[in-house]
Amino acid sequence: MSTETPSSRRAVEKRYYIAAAVGSILIVFAGFARTYYLKGFFDAPPILELVHVHGIVMSLWFVVFLVQVALVASRRTNIHRKVGVGGTVLAALMVIIGVATAISAARRGVSPGPPPLVFLIVPLGDLLVFSVLVAAGISLRKKLSTHKRLMLMASMGILTPAIARLPFEFIATGGPLVFFGLTDLVILAVIAIDTVRNRRLHPAFGWGALLVIASHPLRLMLAGTDVWMRFAAWLVG
């Protein structure tokens, strides 16, 4: 029989979500350190204004996610709801600017490894899945246990571009299969911890992870096909 008290369970859950939020920030920072956050130390080329705006908006999303987790942990739910309104707007901006940035990068031939038109399916697919999960999370915001898990899945599902840019040769040479595989491992590890703690797989994690992970092989099958290459070529104009 478990000897945990309700207060100790809440404390563990608070640490769990804060750790997940901080971990996501560290992955994003490590992935984009050389080309964005610390580019001055790596003699990186100048970046376009659109890329800079994308970097700011993306960074803000992960910071706001951490703030929201901290607000819930400290039971400041009223402030959490107010910040959530801004977070909804920020999520919409992320999708709009993210799509524009991905298309611009493909047009300029920028990619962390695979051919630009092939890699384009990675950020666009991430943004599509992100949109679905965030929309579901917002619509189910009154069901706290579901809402917070969907928002966590949405945030972790967009880690692939950062993971793809981590400074490891096996990642650079492995292509999308490795990018997606590592993202899936991170997501499954986070879910496993929650499942063990609560002795059951929460439905929001179940179908949320299924959406993220299932999208990866689907994109791998589509990327490089004649249909995708024509569509990508049309997007980049």
Foldseek 3Di string as FASTA:
>chain_A
DDPDDPVNLLVVVLVLQLVLLVVLLVLLCLLCVCPPVPVVVNVHDDDDPLVVVLVVLLNVLSVLSNVLSVCVSVPVVVVSVVSVVVSVVSLVVNLVSQLVVLLVCLLVQHDLADTSLLCSLQSNVLSVLLVVLQVVLVVVVVVPVLNNLSNSLSSLLNSLSSQCRRPDPCSSVVPLVVSLVVSLVSLVVSQVVVCVSVVHRDVSSVVSSVSSNVVSVVSVVVRPDPVSSVVSVVSSD
